[in-house]
Amino acid sequence: MRTGNLNNAGTSANVYLTICGQRFNMPKKHLFNKYEAILTDNGYKFRFERNSTNVFKLIGVDVGQLSHIIIEVNKS
């Protein structure tokens, strides 16, 4: 995932990814880097910094031909 280079392009919101395919939809995954996450009173928070690239490895079942992805964010 790559963030833009404009002002305020980063986020500390929770980011979730759902991969949807012809055969199966992978359950929603919370994207964060546990090595760079910060422990808060509400659990771990990961900041997607402006103009940065984060690579995530997702392990799951074969969804078949990719139909679409859903990216969701929230501040909780």
N, C-alpha and C. Protein backbone atom coordinates (compact mmCIF):
# COMPACT_ATOMS: atom_id res chain seq x y z
N MET A 1 0.85 -1.14 0.00
CA MET A 1 0.00 0.00 0.00
C MET A 1 0.91 1.22 0.00
N ARG A 2 0.60 2.17 -0.85
CA ARG A 2 1.40 3.39 -0.95
C ARG A 2 0.52 4.59 -0.66
N THR A 3 1.03 5.48 0.20
CA THR A 3 0.32 6.71 0.49
C THR A 3 0.84 7.82 -0.42
N GLY A 4 0.02 8.83 -0.63
CA GLY A 4 0.38 9.94 -1.50
C GLY A 4 1.38 10.88 -0.86
N ASN A 5 1.79 11.88 -1.63
CA ASN A 5 2.79 12.84 -1.19
C ASN A 5 2.17 14.19 -0.83
N LEU A 6 0.86 14.32 -0.87
CA LEU A 6 0.21 15.58 -0.54
C LEU A 6 0.14 15.76 0.97
N ASN A 7 -0.07 16.99 1.41
CA ASN A 7 -0.24 17.24 2.84
C ASN A 7 -1.38 16.39 3.38
N ASN A 8 -1.22 15.87 4.58
CA ASN A 8 -2.22 15.04 5.26
C ASN A 8 -2.53 13.73 4.52
N ALA A 9 -1.61 13.23 3.71
CA ALA A 9 -1.84 11.99 2.98
C ALA A 9 -1.70 10.76 3.87
N GLY A 10 -1.05 10.87 5.00
CA GLY A 10 -0.92 9.75 5.92
C GLY A 10 -2.16 9.61 6.79
N THR A 11 -2.24 8.51 7.54
CA THR A 11 -3.37 8.32 8.45
C THR A 11 -2.96 7.43 9.61
N SER A 12 -3.57 7.68 10.76
CA SER A 12 -3.41 6.78 11.90
C SER A 12 -4.70 5.98 12.12
N ALA A 13 -5.62 6.08 11.16
CA ALA A 13 -6.87 5.30 11.23
C ALA A 13 -6.56 3.82 11.05
N ASN A 14 -7.46 2.97 11.51
CA ASN A 14 -7.35 1.54 11.24
C ASN A 14 -7.70 1.31 9.78
N VAL A 15 -6.89 0.53 9.08
CA VAL A 15 -7.12 0.25 7.67
C VAL A 15 -7.39 -1.25 7.52
N TYR A 16 -8.44 -1.57 6.78
CA TYR A 16 -8.85 -2.96 6.58
C TYR A 16 -8.94 -3.26 5.09
N LEU A 17 -8.63 -4.49 4.73
CA LEU A 17 -8.66 -4.92 3.33
C LEU A 17 -9.49 -6.20 3.22
N THR A 18 -10.40 -6.22 2.26
CA THR A 18 -11.15 -7.43 1.93
C THR A 18 -10.89 -7.75 0.47
N ILE A 19 -10.48 -8.98 0.19
CA ILE A 19 -10.22 -9.43 -1.17
C ILE A 19 -11.39 -10.31 -1.60
N CYS A 20 -12.01 -9.95 -2.71
CA CYS A 20 -13.18 -10.67 -3.21
C CYS A 20 -12.88 -11.33 -4.55
N GLY A 21 -13.21 -12.59 -4.66
CA GLY A 21 -12.95 -13.33 -5.88
C GLY A 21 -14.17 -14.07 -6.38
N GLN A 22 -14.01 -14.74 -7.51
CA GLN A 22 -15.10 -15.50 -8.12
C GLN A 22 -15.53 -16.68 -7.25
N ARG A 23 -14.60 -17.27 -6.50
CA ARG A 23 -14.92 -18.46 -5.71
C ARG A 23 -15.18 -18.17 -4.24
N PHE A 24 -14.55 -17.11 -3.72
CA PHE A 24 -14.57 -16.91 -2.27
C PHE A 24 -14.19 -15.47 -1.96
N ASN A 25 -14.70 -14.94 -0.85
CA ASN A 25 -14.26 -13.64 -0.34
C ASN A 25 -13.42 -13.88 0.91
N MET A 26 -12.21 -13.38 0.91
CA MET A 26 -11.35 -13.51 2.08
C MET A 26 -11.90 -12.60 3.19
N PRO A 27 -11.93 -13.08 4.43
CA PRO A 27 -12.41 -12.23 5.52
C PRO A 27 -11.60 -10.92 5.62
N LYS A 28 -12.23 -9.90 6.12
CA LYS A 28 -11.60 -8.59 6.27
C LYS A 28 -10.34 -8.72 7.13
N LYS A 29 -9.23 -8.13 6.66
CA LYS A 29 -7.94 -8.17 7.38
C LYS A 29 -7.55 -6.77 7.82
N HIS A 30 -7.12 -6.65 9.07
CA HIS A 30 -6.62 -5.38 9.60
C HIS A 30 -5.15 -5.26 9.17
N LEU A 31 -4.83 -4.20 8.45
CA LEU A 31 -3.47 -4.00 7.96
C LEU A 31 -2.67 -3.16 8.95
N PHE A 32 -1.60 -3.73 9.46
CA PHE A 32 -0.68 -2.97 10.30
C PHE A 32 0.64 -3.73 10.38
N ASN A 33 1.68 -3.01 10.72
CA ASN A 33 3.00 -3.60 10.88
C ASN A 33 3.27 -3.70 12.37
N LYS A 34 3.25 -4.92 12.90
CA LYS A 34 3.39 -5.09 14.35
C LYS A 34 4.73 -4.61 14.88
N TYR A 35 5.75 -4.51 14.02
CA TYR A 35 7.06 -4.06 14.45
C TYR A 35 7.15 -2.54 14.53
N GLU A 36 6.23 -1.84 13.87
CA GLU A 36 6.23 -0.39 13.91
C GLU A 36 4.99 0.17 14.59
N ALA A 37 4.15 -0.69 15.13
CA ALA A 37 2.92 -0.26 15.80
C ALA A 37 3.25 0.29 17.19
N ILE A 38 2.40 1.17 17.67
CA ILE A 38 2.57 1.79 18.98
C ILE A 38 1.42 1.32 19.87
N LEU A 39 1.76 0.89 21.08
CA LEU A 39 0.75 0.44 22.03
C LEU A 39 0.06 1.66 22.64
N THR A 40 -1.27 1.70 22.54
CA THR A 40 -2.07 2.78 23.13
C THR A 40 -3.05 2.17 24.12
N ASP A 41 -3.84 3.02 24.76
CA ASP A 41 -4.87 2.52 25.69
C ASP A 41 -5.92 1.68 24.97
N ASN A 42 -6.08 1.89 23.65
CA ASN A 42 -7.07 1.17 22.85
C ASN A 42 -6.45 0.06 22.01
N GLY A 43 -5.26 -0.39 22.36
CA GLY A 43 -4.59 -1.43 21.59
C GLY A 43 -3.48 -0.85 20.73
N TYR A 44 -3.01 -1.63 19.79
CA TYR A 44 -1.92 -1.19 18.93
C TYR A 44 -2.42 -0.30 17.80
N LYS A 45 -1.66 0.75 17.50
CA LYS A 45 -1.98 1.65 16.39
C LYS A 45 -0.79 1.68 15.45
N PHE A 46 -1.07 1.69 14.17
CA PHE A 46 -0.03 1.77 13.15
C PHE A 46 -0.32 2.99 12.29
N ARG A 47 0.68 3.81 12.05
CA ARG A 47 0.49 5.02 11.26
C ARG A 47 1.00 4.79 9.85
N PHE A 48 0.14 5.04 8.87
CA PHE A 48 0.54 5.04 7.47
C PHE A 48 1.08 6.44 7.17
N GLU A 49 2.39 6.55 7.10
CA GLU A 49 3.04 7.84 6.92
C GLU A 49 2.85 8.36 5.50
N ARG A 50 2.82 9.67 5.36
CA ARG A 50 2.74 10.33 4.06
C ARG A 50 3.92 9.91 3.18
N ASN A 51 3.66 9.68 1.90
CA ASN A 51 4.68 9.33 0.90
C ASN A 51 5.48 8.09 1.31
N SER A 52 4.80 7.06 1.76
CA SER A 52 5.49 5.84 2.16
C SER A 52 4.83 4.62 1.51
N THR A 53 5.58 3.53 1.49
CA THR A 53 5.10 2.27 0.94
C THR A 53 5.15 1.22 2.03
N ASN A 54 4.05 0.50 2.22
CA ASN A 54 3.98 -0.60 3.18
C ASN A 54 3.55 -1.85 2.43
N VAL A 55 4.27 -2.94 2.64
CA VAL A 55 3.98 -4.21 1.97
C VAL A 55 3.42 -5.17 3.01
N PHE A 56 2.31 -5.82 2.68
CA PHE A 56 1.66 -6.76 3.58
C PHE A 56 1.54 -8.11 2.90
N LYS A 57 1.81 -9.17 3.63
CA LYS A 57 1.65 -10.53 3.13
C LYS A 57 0.38 -11.10 3.76
N LEU A 58 -0.57 -11.45 2.91
CA LEU A 58 -1.83 -12.01 3.38
C LEU A 58 -1.86 -13.50 3.08
N ILE A 59 -2.21 -14.28 4.06
CA ILE A 59 -2.29 -15.72 3.90
C ILE A 59 -3.75 -16.12 4.01
N GLY A 60 -4.23 -16.87 3.04
CA GLY A 60 -5.61 -17.30 3.06
C GLY A 60 -5.88 -18.30 1.95
N VAL A 61 -7.14 -18.52 1.71
CA VAL A 61 -7.53 -19.49 0.68
C VAL A 61 -7.47 -18.85 -0.70
N ASP A 62 -7.48 -19.68 -1.72
CA ASP A 62 -7.52 -19.22 -3.11
C ASP A 62 -8.91 -18.66 -3.39
N VAL A 63 -8.99 -17.37 -3.67
CA VAL A 63 -10.29 -16.74 -3.92
C VAL A 63 -10.74 -16.90 -5.36
N GLY A 64 -9.90 -17.50 -6.19
CA GLY A 64 -10.22 -17.60 -7.61
C GLY A 64 -9.85 -16.30 -8.30
N GLN A 65 -10.44 -16.06 -9.45
CA GLN A 65 -10.17 -14.83 -10.18
C GLN A 65 -10.62 -13.64 -9.36
N LEU A 66 -9.73 -12.67 -9.18
CA LEU A 66 -10.03 -11.47 -8.40
C LEU A 66 -11.17 -10.69 -9.05
N SER A 67 -12.19 -10.36 -8.26
CA SER A 67 -13.27 -9.54 -8.80
C SER A 67 -13.13 -8.09 -8.33
N HIS A 68 -12.82 -7.90 -7.03
CA HIS A 68 -12.59 -6.55 -6.52
C HIS A 68 -11.99 -6.61 -5.11
N ILE A 69 -11.49 -5.47 -4.65
CA ILE A 69 -11.01 -5.35 -3.28
C ILE A 69 -11.77 -4.20 -2.62
N ILE A 70 -11.88 -4.30 -1.31
CA ILE A 70 -12.53 -3.26 -0.52
C ILE A 70 -11.53 -2.77 0.51
N ILE A 71 -11.30 -1.46 0.55
CA ILE A 71 -10.45 -0.86 1.57
C ILE A 71 -11.32 0.00 2.46
N GLU A 72 -11.25 -0.25 3.76
CA GLU A 72 -12.05 0.49 4.72
C GLU A 72 -11.13 1.13 5.76
N VAL A 73 -11.52 2.28 6.27
CA VAL A 73 -10.78 2.94 7.35
C VAL A 73 -11.76 3.38 8.43
N ASN A 74 -11.27 3.39 9.68
CA ASN A 74 -12.03 3.98 10.77
C ASN A 74 -11.05 4.50 11.81
N LYS A 75 -11.50 5.37 12.66
CA LYS A 75 -10.64 6.01 13.65
C LYS A 75 -10.67 5.33 15.01
N SER A 76 -11.41 4.24 15.17
CA SER A 76 -11.52 3.63 16.49
C SER A 76 -10.27 2.89 16.88
